[in-house]
PDB file of all heavy atoms in Angstrom:
ATOM      1  N   LYS A   1       0.850  -1.198   0.029  1.00  0.00           N
ATOM      2  CA  LYS A   1       0.024   0.035  -0.029  1.00  0.00           C
ATOM      3  C   LYS A   1       0.859   1.255   0.044  1.00  0.00           C
ATOM      4  O   LYS A   1       0.660   2.239   0.756  1.00  0.00           O
ATOM      5  CB  LYS A   1      -0.984  -0.025   1.214  1.00  0.00           C
ATOM      6  CG  LYS A   1      -1.902  -1.058   1.175  1.00  0.00           C
ATOM      7  CD  LYS A   1      -2.897  -1.009   2.395  1.00  0.00           C
ATOM      8  CE  LYS A   1      -3.991  -2.004   2.295  1.00  0.00           C
ATOM      9  NZ  LYS A   1      -3.924  -3.189   2.486  1.00  0.00           N
ATOM     10  N   VAL A   2       1.892   1.300  -0.839  1.00  0.00           N
ATOM     11  CA  VAL A   2       2.687   2.469  -1.006  1.00  0.00           C
ATOM     12  C   VAL A   2       2.667   2.803  -2.564  1.00  0.00           C
ATOM     13  O   VAL A   2       2.340   1.952  -3.330  1.00  0.00           O
ATOM     14  CB  VAL A   2       4.090   2.270  -0.544  1.00  0.00           C
ATOM     15  CG1 VAL A   2       4.150   2.044   0.938  1.00  0.00           C
ATOM     16  CG2 VAL A   2       4.811   1.119  -1.249  1.00  0.00           C
ATOM     17  N   SER A   3       3.040   4.016  -2.874  1.00  0.00           N
ATOM     18  CA  SER A   3       3.067   4.464  -4.260  1.00  0.00           C
ATOM     19  C   SER A   3       4.414   4.171  -4.928  1.00  0.00           C
ATOM     20  O   SER A   3       5.470   4.308  -4.223  1.00  0.00           O
ATOM     21  CB  SER A   3       2.698   5.908  -4.317  1.00  0.00           C
ATOM     22  OG  SER A   3       2.929   6.451  -5.727  1.00  0.00           O
ATOM     23  N   VAL A   4       4.434   3.855  -6.176  1.00  0.00           N
ATOM     24  CA  VAL A   4       5.637   3.609  -6.865  1.00  0.00           C
ATOM     25  C   VAL A   4       6.373   4.972  -7.101  1.00  0.00           C
ATOM     26  O   VAL A   4       7.573   4.946  -7.516  1.00  0.00           O
ATOM     27  CB  VAL A   4       5.407   2.874  -8.207  1.00  0.00           C
ATOM     28  CG1 VAL A   4       4.891   1.492  -7.965  1.00  0.00           C
ATOM     29  CG2 VAL A   4       4.463   3.688  -9.054  1.00  0.00           C
ATOM     30  N   ASP A   5       5.705   6.081  -6.912  1.00  0.00           N
ATOM     31  CA  ASP A   5       6.326   7.423  -7.129  1.00  0.00           C
ATOM     32  C   ASP A   5       6.973   7.915  -5.799  1.00  0.00           C
ATOM     33  O   ASP A   5       7.511   9.037  -5.893  1.00  0.00           O
ATOM     34  CB  ASP A   5       5.261   8.374  -7.632  1.00  0.00           C
ATOM     35  CG  ASP A   5       4.685   7.980  -9.005  1.00  0.00           C
ATOM     36  OD1 ASP A   5       5.500   7.553  -9.818  1.00  0.00           O
ATOM     37  OD2 ASP A   5       3.490   8.063  -9.219  1.00  0.00           O
ATOM     38  N   THR A   6       6.851   7.183  -4.738  1.00  0.00           N
ATOM     39  CA  THR A   6       7.489   7.613  -3.481  1.00  0.00           C
ATOM     40  C   THR A   6       8.964   7.477  -3.558  1.00  0.00           C
ATOM     41  O   THR A   6       9.453   6.394  -4.015  1.00  0.00           O
ATOM     42  CB  THR A   6       6.910   6.849  -2.327  1.00  0.00           C
ATOM     43  OG1 THR A   6       5.427   6.919  -2.268  1.00  0.00           O
ATOM     44  CG2 THR A   6       7.532   7.279  -1.014  1.00  0.00           C
ATOM     45  N   PRO A   7       9.730   8.487  -3.224  1.00  0.00           N
ATOM     46  CA  PRO A   7      11.184   8.372  -3.203  1.00  0.00           C
ATOM     47  C   PRO A   7      11.686   7.249  -2.369  1.00  0.00           C
ATOM     48  O   PRO A   7      11.048   6.914  -1.358  1.00  0.00           O
ATOM     49  CB  PRO A   7      11.722   9.703  -2.710  1.00  0.00           C
ATOM     50  CG  PRO A   7      10.590  10.653  -3.015  1.00  0.00           C
ATOM     51  CD  PRO A   7       9.327   9.892  -2.894  1.00  0.00           C
ATOM     52  N   TRP A   8      12.783   6.604  -2.796  1.00  0.00           N
ATOM     53  CA  TRP A   8      13.268   5.425  -2.056  1.00  0.00           C
ATOM     54  C   TRP A   8      13.566   5.752  -0.582  1.00  0.00           C
ATOM     55  O   TRP A   8      13.311   4.950   0.256  1.00  0.00           O
ATOM     56  CB  TRP A   8      14.516   4.919  -2.675  1.00  0.00           C
ATOM     57  CG  TRP A   8      15.182   3.782  -1.995  1.00  0.00           C
ATOM     58  CD1 TRP A   8      16.222   3.870  -1.142  1.00  0.00           C
ATOM     59  CD2 TRP A   8      14.862   2.365  -2.086  1.00  0.00           C
ATOM     60  NE1 TRP A   8      16.532   2.629  -0.674  1.00  0.00           N
ATOM     61  CE2 TRP A   8      15.766   1.671  -1.250  1.00  0.00           C
ATOM     62  CE3 TRP A   8      13.929   1.679  -2.815  1.00  0.00           C
ATOM     63  CZ2 TRP A   8      15.711   0.297  -1.071  1.00  0.00           C
ATOM     64  CZ3 TRP A   8      13.922   0.322  -2.691  1.00  0.00           C
ATOM     65  CH2 TRP A   8      14.754  -0.332  -1.819  1.00  0.00           C
ATOM     66  N   GLU A   9      14.162   6.940  -0.286  1.00  0.00           N
ATOM     67  CA  GLU A   9      14.471   7.262   1.046  1.00  0.00           C
ATOM     68  C   GLU A   9      13.265   7.547   1.871  1.00  0.00           C
ATOM     69  O   GLU A   9      13.374   7.511   3.119  1.00  0.00           O
ATOM     70  CB  GLU A   9      15.357   8.574   1.022  1.00  0.00           C
ATOM     71  CG  GLU A   9      14.702   9.780   0.307  1.00  0.00           C
ATOM     72  CD  GLU A   9      15.692  10.937   0.168  1.00  0.00           C
ATOM     73  OE1 GLU A   9      16.822  10.804   0.505  1.00  0.00           O
ATOM     74  OE2 GLU A   9      15.292  11.913  -0.425  1.00  0.00           O
ATOM     75  N   ASP A  10      12.083   7.780   1.294  1.00  0.00           N
ATOM     76  CA  ASP A  10      10.848   7.981   2.074  1.00  0.00           C
ATOM     77  C   ASP A  10      10.044   6.711   2.242  1.00  0.00           C
ATOM     78  O   ASP A  10       9.057   6.750   2.921  1.00  0.00           O
ATOM     79  CB  ASP A  10      10.012   9.084   1.370  1.00  0.00           C
ATOM     80  CG  ASP A  10      10.721  10.443   1.366  1.00  0.00           C
ATOM     81  OD1 ASP A  10      11.562  10.692   2.257  1.00  0.00           O
ATOM     82  OD2 ASP A  10      10.372  11.210   0.474  1.00  0.00           O
ATOM     83  N   LEU A  11      10.461   5.653   1.618  1.00  0.00           N
ATOM     84  CA  LEU A  11       9.668   4.371   1.797  1.00  0.00           C
ATOM     85  C   LEU A  11       9.887   3.841   3.200  1.00  0.00           C
ATOM     86  O   LEU A  11      10.993   3.948   3.818  1.00  0.00           O
ATOM     87  CB  LEU A  11      10.215   3.381   0.790  1.00  0.00           C
ATOM     88  CG  LEU A  11       9.804   3.575  -0.708  1.00  0.00           C
ATOM     89  CD1 LEU A  11      10.512   2.510  -1.596  1.00  0.00           C
ATOM     90  CD2 LEU A  11       8.315   3.584  -0.917  1.00  0.00           C
ATOM     91  N   PRO A  12       8.866   3.137   3.714  1.00  0.00           N
ATOM     92  CA  PRO A  12       9.021   2.579   5.075  1.00  0.00           C
ATOM     93  C   PRO A  12      10.134   1.496   5.059  1.00  0.00           C
ATOM     94  O   PRO A  12      10.391   0.847   4.006  1.00  0.00           O
ATOM     95  CB  PRO A  12       7.616   1.929   5.274  1.00  0.00           C
ATOM     96  CG  PRO A  12       6.711   2.656   4.435  1.00  0.00           C
ATOM     97  CD  PRO A  12       7.514   3.075   3.201  1.00  0.00           C
ATOM     98  N   PRO A  13      10.803   1.307   6.179  1.00  0.00           N
ATOM     99  CA  PRO A  13      11.954   0.379   6.198  1.00  0.00           C
ATOM    100  C   PRO A  13      11.458  -1.046   5.801  1.00  0.00           C
ATOM    101  O   PRO A  13      12.307  -1.770   5.137  1.00  0.00           O
ATOM    102  CB  PRO A  13      12.383   0.454   7.664  1.00  0.00           C
ATOM    103  CG  PRO A  13      12.022   1.809   8.112  1.00  0.00           C
ATOM    104  CD  PRO A  13      10.727   2.127   7.417  1.00  0.00           C
ATOM    105  N   ARG A  14      10.283  -1.476   6.172  1.00  0.00           N
ATOM    106  CA  ARG A  14       9.860  -2.845   5.830  1.00  0.00           C
ATOM    107  C   ARG A  14       9.650  -2.979   4.280  1.00  0.00           C
ATOM    108  O   ARG A  14       9.881  -4.064   3.784  1.00  0.00           O
ATOM    109  CB  ARG A  14       8.592  -3.105   6.515  1.00  0.00           C
ATOM    110  CG  ARG A  14       7.339  -2.322   6.125  1.00  0.00           C
ATOM    111  CD  ARG A  14       6.169  -2.615   7.077  1.00  0.00           C
ATOM    112  NE  ARG A  14       4.974  -1.884   6.641  1.00  0.00           N
ATOM    113  CZ  ARG A  14       4.005  -2.430   5.855  1.00  0.00           C
ATOM    114  NH1 ARG A  14       4.122  -3.724   5.563  1.00  0.00           N
ATOM    115  NH2 ARG A  14       2.971  -1.732   5.477  1.00  0.00           N
ATOM    116  N   VAL A  15       9.311  -1.923   3.640  1.00  0.00           N
ATOM    117  CA  VAL A  15       9.197  -1.952   2.216  1.00  0.00           C
ATOM    118  C   VAL A  15      10.581  -2.138   1.538  1.00  0.00           C
ATOM    119  O   VAL A  15      10.787  -2.928   0.631  1.00  0.00           O
ATOM    120  CB  VAL A  15       8.408  -0.766   1.598  1.00  0.00           C
ATOM    121  CG1 VAL A  15       8.290  -0.867   0.066  1.00  0.00           C
ATOM    122  CG2 VAL A  15       7.065  -0.728   2.224  1.00  0.00           C
ATOM    123  N   ARG A  16      11.491  -1.261   2.020  1.00  0.00           N
ATOM    124  CA  ARG A  16      12.828  -1.407   1.434  1.00  0.00           C
ATOM    125  C   ARG A  16      13.481  -2.797   1.737  1.00  0.00           C
ATOM    126  O   ARG A  16      14.211  -3.387   0.899  1.00  0.00           O
ATOM    127  CB  ARG A  16      13.727  -0.236   2.003  1.00  0.00           C
ATOM    128  CG  ARG A  16      13.420   1.118   1.438  1.00  0.00           C
ATOM    129  CD  ARG A  16      14.285   2.195   1.973  1.00  0.00           C
ATOM    130  NE  ARG A  16      13.972   2.493   3.463  1.00  0.00           N
ATOM    131  CZ  ARG A  16      14.578   3.383   4.137  1.00  0.00           C
ATOM    132  NH1 ARG A  16      15.456   4.161   3.600  1.00  0.00           N
ATOM    133  NH2 ARG A  16      14.242   3.574   5.409  1.00  0.00           N
ATOM    134  N   ARG A  17      13.252  -3.357   2.863  1.00  0.00           N
ATOM    135  CA  ARG A  17      13.706  -4.675   3.166  1.00  0.00           C
ATOM    136  C   ARG A  17      13.097  -5.695   2.298  1.00  0.00           C
ATOM    137  O   ARG A  17      13.752  -6.651   1.884  1.00  0.00           O
ATOM    138  CB  ARG A  17      13.527  -5.047   4.635  1.00  0.00           C
ATOM    139  CG  ARG A  17      14.376  -4.338   5.643  1.00  0.00           C
ATOM    140  CD  ARG A  17      14.320  -5.012   6.990  1.00  0.00           C
ATOM    141  NE  ARG A  17      12.983  -5.049   7.553  1.00  0.00           N
ATOM    142  CZ  ARG A  17      12.480  -4.079   8.294  1.00  0.00           C
ATOM    143  NH1 ARG A  17      13.252  -3.017   8.707  1.00  0.00           N
ATOM    144  NH2 ARG A  17      11.232  -4.209   8.801  1.00  0.00           N
ATOM    145  N   ALA A  18      11.845  -5.530   1.928  1.00  0.00           N
ATOM    146  CA  ALA A  18      11.141  -6.480   1.003  1.00  0.00           C
ATOM    147  C   ALA A  18      11.828  -6.482  -0.340  1.00  0.00           C
ATOM    148  O   ALA A  18      11.998  -7.497  -0.947  1.00  0.00           O
ATOM    149  CB  ALA A  18       9.639  -6.122   0.900  1.00  0.00           C
ATOM    150  N   PHE A  19      12.213  -5.313  -0.851  1.00  0.00           N
ATOM    151  CA  PHE A  19      12.854  -5.264  -2.151  1.00  0.00           C
ATOM    152  C   PHE A  19      14.291  -5.810  -2.117  1.00  0.00           C
ATOM    153  O   PHE A  19      14.653  -6.463  -3.095  1.00  0.00           O
ATOM    154  CB  PHE A  19      12.930  -3.811  -2.667  1.00  0.00           C
ATOM    155  CG  PHE A  19      11.624  -3.306  -3.315  1.00  0.00           C
ATOM    156  CD1 PHE A  19      10.682  -2.583  -2.655  1.00  0.00           C
ATOM    157  CD2 PHE A  19      11.460  -3.651  -4.639  1.00  0.00           C
ATOM    158  CE1 PHE A  19       9.581  -2.183  -3.279  1.00  0.00           C
ATOM    159  CE2 PHE A  19      10.295  -3.264  -5.292  1.00  0.00           C
ATOM    160  CZ  PHE A  19       9.340  -2.548  -4.644  1.00  0.00           C
ATOM    161  N   LEU A  20      15.035  -5.603  -0.975  1.00  0.00           N
ATOM    162  CA  LEU A  20      16.373  -5.999  -0.949  1.00  0.00           C
ATOM    163  C   LEU A  20      16.608  -7.423  -0.420  1.00  0.00           C
ATOM    164  O   LEU A  20      17.484  -8.134  -0.930  1.00  0.00           O
ATOM    165  CB  LEU A  20      17.221  -5.024  -0.166  1.00  0.00           C
ATOM    166  CG  LEU A  20      17.259  -3.576  -0.636  1.00  0.00           C
ATOM    167  CD1 LEU A  20      18.009  -2.636   0.310  1.00  0.00           C
ATOM    168  CD2 LEU A  20      17.883  -3.515  -2.012  1.00  0.00           C
ATOM    169  N   ASP A  21      15.801  -7.815   0.580  1.00  0.00           N
ATOM    170  CA  ASP A  21      16.039  -9.068   1.273  1.00  0.00           C
ATOM    171  C   ASP A  21      14.898 -10.051   1.169  1.00  0.00           C
ATOM    172  O   ASP A  21      15.015 -11.104   1.830  1.00  0.00           O
ATOM    173  CB  ASP A  21      16.275  -8.767   2.798  1.00  0.00           C
ATOM    174  CG  ASP A  21      17.464  -7.877   3.011  1.00  0.00           C
ATOM    175  OD1 ASP A  21      18.443  -7.950   2.217  1.00  0.00           O
ATOM    176  OD2 ASP A  21      17.521  -7.027   3.904  1.00  0.00           O
ATOM    177  N   GLY A  22      13.747  -9.754   0.554  1.00  0.00           N
ATOM    178  CA  GLY A  22      12.602 -10.620   0.520  1.00  0.00           C
ATOM    179  C   GLY A  22      11.682 -10.314   1.651  1.00  0.00           C
ATOM    180  O   GLY A  22      11.787  -9.237   2.335  1.00  0.00           O
ATOM    181  N   MET A  23      10.690 -11.169   1.917  1.00  0.00           N
ATOM    182  CA  MET A  23       9.651 -10.956   2.860  1.00  0.00           C
ATOM    183  C   MET A  23      10.009 -11.223   4.277  1.00  0.00           C
ATOM    184  O   MET A  23       9.139 -11.055   5.118  1.00  0.00           O
ATOM    185  CB  MET A  23       8.367 -11.704   2.449  1.00  0.00           C
ATOM    186  CG  MET A  23       7.826 -11.359   1.084  1.00  0.00           C
ATOM    187  SD  MET A  23       7.412  -9.614   0.882  1.00  0.00           S
ATOM    188  CE  MET A  23       6.123  -9.486   2.082  1.00  0.00           C
ATOM    189  N   GLY A  24      11.237 -11.622   4.568  1.00  0.00           N
ATOM    190  CA  GLY A  24      11.647 -11.862   5.940  1.00  0.00           C
ATOM    191  C   GLY A  24      10.836 -12.972   6.575  1.00  0.00           C
ATOM    192  O   GLY A  24      10.631 -14.043   5.963  1.00  0.00           O
ATOM    193  N   ASP A  25      10.355 -12.734   7.801  1.00  0.00           N
ATOM    194  CA  ASP A  25       9.643 -13.821   8.487  1.00  0.00           C
ATOM    195  C   ASP A  25       8.105 -13.776   8.251  1.00  0.00           C
ATOM    196  O   ASP A  25       7.351 -14.480   8.983  1.00  0.00           O
ATOM    197  CB  ASP A  25       9.973 -13.679  10.037  1.00  0.00           C
ATOM    198  CG  ASP A  25       9.510 -12.260  10.567  1.00  0.00           C
ATOM    199  OD1 ASP A  25       9.103 -11.443   9.734  1.00  0.00           O
ATOM    200  OD2 ASP A  25       9.607 -12.060  11.792  1.00  0.00           O
ATOM    201  N   GLN A  26       7.647 -12.984   7.290  1.00  0.00           N
ATOM    202  CA  GLN A  26       6.266 -12.997   6.892  1.00  0.00           C
ATOM    203  C   GLN A  26       6.107 -14.198   6.007  1.00  0.00           C
ATOM    204  O   GLN A  26       6.510 -14.290   4.855  1.00  0.00           O
ATOM    205  CB  GLN A  26       5.929 -11.678   6.085  1.00  0.00           C
ATOM    206  CG  GLN A  26       4.403 -11.619   5.737  1.00  0.00           C
ATOM    207  CD  GLN A  26       4.107 -10.290   5.111  1.00  0.00           C
ATOM    208  OE1 GLN A  26       4.845  -9.322   5.262  1.00  0.00           O
ATOM    209  NE2 GLN A  26       2.963 -10.216   4.433  1.00  0.00           N
ATOM    210  N   ASN A  27       5.347 -15.168   6.545  1.00  0.00           N
ATOM    211  CA  ASN A  27       5.272 -16.510   5.905  1.00  0.00           C
ATOM    212  C   ASN A  27       4.436 -16.509   4.633  1.00  0.00           C
ATOM    213  O   ASN A  27       4.633 -17.346   3.759  1.00  0.00           O
ATOM    214  CB  ASN A  27       4.816 -17.485   6.855  1.00  0.00           C
ATOM    215  CG  ASN A  27       5.765 -17.746   7.997  1.00  0.00           C
ATOM    216  OD1 ASN A  27       6.968 -17.729   7.756  1.00  0.00           O
ATOM    217  ND2 ASN A  27       5.256 -18.101   9.143  1.00  0.00           N
ATOM    218  N   GLU A  28       3.383 -15.658   4.521  1.00  0.00           N
ATOM    219  CA  GLU A  28       2.550 -15.697   3.349  1.00  0.00           C
ATOM    220  C   GLU A  28       1.824 -14.341   3.147  1.00  0.00           C
ATOM    221  O   GLU A  28       1.604 -13.634   4.151  1.00  0.00           O
ATOM    222  CB  GLU A  28       1.592 -16.821   3.456  1.00  0.00           C
ATOM    223  CG  GLU A  28       0.549 -16.786   4.603  1.00  0.00           C
ATOM    224  CD  GLU A  28      -0.407 -17.964   4.571  1.00  0.00           C
ATOM    225  OE1 GLU A  28       0.017 -18.998   4.099  1.00  0.00           O
ATOM    226  OE2 GLU A  28      -1.502 -17.813   5.158  1.00  0.00           O
ATOM    227  N   PHE A  29       1.420 -14.062   1.964  1.00  0.00           N
ATOM    228  CA  PHE A  29       0.623 -12.976   1.649  1.00  0.00           C
ATOM    229  C   PHE A  29      -0.215 -13.300   0.417  1.00  0.00           C
ATOM    230  O   PHE A  29       0.247 -14.114  -0.401  1.00  0.00           O
ATOM    231  CB  PHE A  29       1.370 -11.643   1.491  1.00  0.00           C
ATOM    232  CG  PHE A  29       2.311 -11.710   0.354  1.00  0.00           C
ATOM    233  CD1 PHE A  29       1.890 -11.262  -0.896  1.00  0.00           C
ATOM    234  CD2 PHE A  29       3.711 -12.056   0.542  1.00  0.00           C
ATOM    235  CE1 PHE A  29       2.789 -11.271  -1.934  1.00  0.00           C
ATOM    236  CE2 PHE A  29       4.554 -12.090  -0.563  1.00  0.00           C
ATOM    237  CZ  PHE A  29       4.091 -11.636  -1.782  1.00  0.00           C
ATOM    238  N   ARG A  30      -1.374 -12.606   0.290  1.00  0.00           N
ATOM    239  CA  ARG A  30      -2.210 -12.866  -0.924  1.00  0.00           C
ATOM    240  C   ARG A  30      -2.175 -11.601  -1.795  1.00  0.00           C
ATOM    241  O   ARG A  30      -2.102 -10.469  -1.303  1.00  0.00           O
ATOM    242  CB  ARG A  30      -3.649 -13.201  -0.478  1.00  0.00           C
ATOM    243  CG  ARG A  30      -3.761 -14.446   0.266  1.00  0.00           C
ATOM    244  CD  ARG A  30      -5.202 -14.808   0.724  1.00  0.00           C
ATOM    245  NE  ARG A  30      -5.262 -16.011   1.452  1.00  0.00           N
ATOM    246  CZ  ARG A  30      -5.408 -17.248   0.890  1.00  0.00           C
ATOM    247  NH1 ARG A  30      -5.393 -17.348  -0.423  1.00  0.00           N
ATOM    248  NH2 ARG A  30      -5.467 -18.331   1.676  1.00  0.00           N
ATOM    249  N   SER A  31      -2.325 -11.789  -3.016  1.00  0.00           N
ATOM    250  CA  SER A  31      -2.428 -10.664  -3.967  1.00  0.00           C
ATOM    251  C   SER A  31      -3.719  -9.998  -3.785  1.00  0.00           C
ATOM    252  O   SER A  31      -4.719 -10.489  -3.210  1.00  0.00           O
ATOM    253  CB  SER A  31      -2.273 -11.155  -5.414  1.00  0.00           C
ATOM    254  OG  SER A  31      -3.371 -11.951  -5.702  1.00  0.00           O
ATOM    255  N   THR A  32      -3.815  -8.727  -4.235  1.00  0.00           N
ATOM    256  CA  THR A  32      -5.026  -7.954  -4.060  1.00  0.00           C
ATOM    257  C   THR A  32      -6.159  -8.482  -4.945  1.00  0.00           C
ATOM    258  O   THR A  32      -7.366  -8.199  -4.709  1.00  0.00           O
ATOM    259  CB  THR A  32      -4.739  -6.561  -4.344  1.00  0.00           C
ATOM    260  OG1 THR A  32      -4.248  -6.400  -5.721  1.00  0.00           O
ATOM    261  CG2 THR A  32      -3.768  -5.934  -3.375  1.00  0.00           C
ATOM    262  N   ASN A  33      -5.838  -9.211  -5.971  1.00  0.00           N
ATOM    263  CA  ASN A  33      -6.847  -9.741  -6.875  1.00  0.00           C
ATOM    264  C   ASN A  33      -6.822 -11.283  -6.710  1.00  0.00           C
ATOM    265  O   ASN A  33      -6.431 -11.968  -7.561  1.00  0.00           O
ATOM    266  CB  ASN A  33      -6.464  -9.363  -8.338  1.00  0.00           C
ATOM    267  CG  ASN A  33      -7.661  -9.704  -9.265  1.00  0.00           C
ATOM    268  OD1 ASN A  33      -8.678 -10.247  -8.906  1.00  0.00           O
ATOM    269  ND2 ASN A  33      -7.474  -9.345 -10.600  1.00  0.00           N
ATOM    270  N   GLN A  34      -7.351 -11.721  -5.606  1.00  0.00           N
ATOM    271  CA  GLN A  34      -7.367 -13.170  -5.388  1.00  0.00           C
ATOM    272  C   GLN A  34      -8.342 -13.937  -6.233  1.00  0.00           C
ATOM    273  O   GLN A  34      -8.121 -15.115  -6.477  1.00  0.00           O
ATOM    274  CB  GLN A  34      -7.652 -13.369  -3.896  1.00  0.00           C
ATOM    275  CG  GLN A  34      -6.609 -12.873  -2.953  1.00  0.00           C
ATOM    276  CD  GLN A  34      -6.942 -13.156  -1.509  1.00  0.00           C
ATOM    277  OE1 GLN A  34      -7.741 -14.019  -1.182  1.00  0.00           O
ATOM    278  NE2 GLN A  34      -6.321 -12.449  -0.603  1.00  0.00           N
ATOM    279  N   SER A  35      -9.372 -13.260  -6.691  1.00  0.00           N
ATOM    280  CA  SER A  35     -10.340 -13.996  -7.501  1.00  0.00           C
ATOM    281  C   SER A  35      -9.752 -14.403  -8.820  1.00  0.00           C
ATOM    282  O   SER A  35     -10.137 -15.528  -9.335  1.00  0.00           O
ATOM    283  CB  SER A  35     -11.528 -13.060  -7.750  1.00  0.00           C
ATOM    284  OG  SER A  35     -11.136 -11.882  -8.514  1.00  0.00           O
ATOM    285  N   SER A  36      -8.826 -13.685  -9.407  1.00  0.00           N
ATOM    286  CA  SER A  36      -8.182 -14.029 -10.656  1.00  0.00           C
ATOM    287  C   SER A  36      -6.891 -14.826 -10.449  1.00  0.00           C
ATOM    288  O   SER A  36      -6.550 -15.653 -11.282  1.00  0.00           O
ATOM    289  CB  SER A  36      -7.927 -12.833 -11.553  1.00  0.00           C
ATOM    290  OG  SER A  36      -7.059 -11.946 -10.852  1.00  0.00           O
ATOM    291  N   MET A  37      -6.182 -14.542  -9.372  1.00  0.00           N
ATOM    292  CA  MET A  37      -4.880 -15.193  -9.195  1.00  0.00           C
ATOM    293  C   MET A  37      -4.853 -16.373  -8.298  1.00  0.00           C
ATOM    294  O   MET A  37      -4.099 -17.265  -8.418  1.00  0.00           O
ATOM    295  CB  MET A  37      -3.828 -14.147  -8.677  1.00  0.00           C
ATOM    296  CG  MET A  37      -3.747 -12.945  -9.592  1.00  0.00           C
ATOM    297  SD  MET A  37      -3.218 -13.422 -11.188  1.00  0.00           S
ATOM    298  CE  MET A  37      -1.710 -14.141 -10.876  1.00  0.00           C
ATOM    299  N   GLY A  38      -5.758 -16.342  -7.356  1.00  0.00           N
ATOM    300  CA  GLY A  38      -5.938 -17.567  -6.473  1.00  0.00           C
ATOM    301  C   GLY A  38      -4.947 -17.757  -5.426  1.00  0.00           C
ATOM    302  O   GLY A  38      -4.905 -16.983  -4.480  1.00  0.00           O
ATOM    303  N   ALA A  39      -3.999 -18.574  -5.637  1.00  0.00           N
ATOM    304  CA  ALA A  39      -3.111 -19.173  -4.553  1.00  0.00           C
ATOM    305  C   ALA A  39      -2.278 -18.167  -3.793  1.00  0.00           C
ATOM    306  O   ALA A  39      -2.214 -16.992  -4.120  1.00  0.00           O
ATOM    307  CB  ALA A  39      -2.303 -20.217  -5.155  1.00  0.00           C
ATOM    308  N   VAL A  40      -1.642 -18.724  -2.813  1.00  0.00           N
ATOM    309  CA  VAL A  40      -0.774 -17.918  -1.875  1.00  0.00           C
ATOM    310  C   VAL A  40       0.617 -18.055  -2.276  1.00  0.00           C
ATOM    311  O   VAL A  40       1.106 -19.209  -2.566  1.00  0.00           O
ATOM    312  CB  VAL A  40      -0.969 -18.423  -0.450  1.00  0.00           C
ATOM    313  CG1 VAL A  40      -0.010 -17.693   0.453  1.00  0.00           C
ATOM    314  CG2 VAL A  40      -2.364 -18.219   0.003  1.00  0.00           C
ATOM    315  N   ALA A  41       1.366 -16.992  -2.347  1.00  0.00           N
ATOM    316  CA  ALA A  41       2.778 -16.983  -2.666  1.00  0.00           C
ATOM    317  C   ALA A  41       3.450 -17.024  -1.327  1.00  0.00           C
ATOM    318  O   ALA A  41       3.357 -16.124  -0.478  1.00  0.00           O
ATOM    319  CB  ALA A  41       3.195 -15.803  -3.440  1.00  0.00           C
TER     320      ALA A  41
END
């Protein structure tokens, strides 16, 4: 829930960690369009 136009330095730390290191200890998340995509990554 962040904008792609937000400067990198203004992104929350958890978002920057997701880009650089993956999702960390967050075991699962669903896409916003679950009806079309279905499963859990």
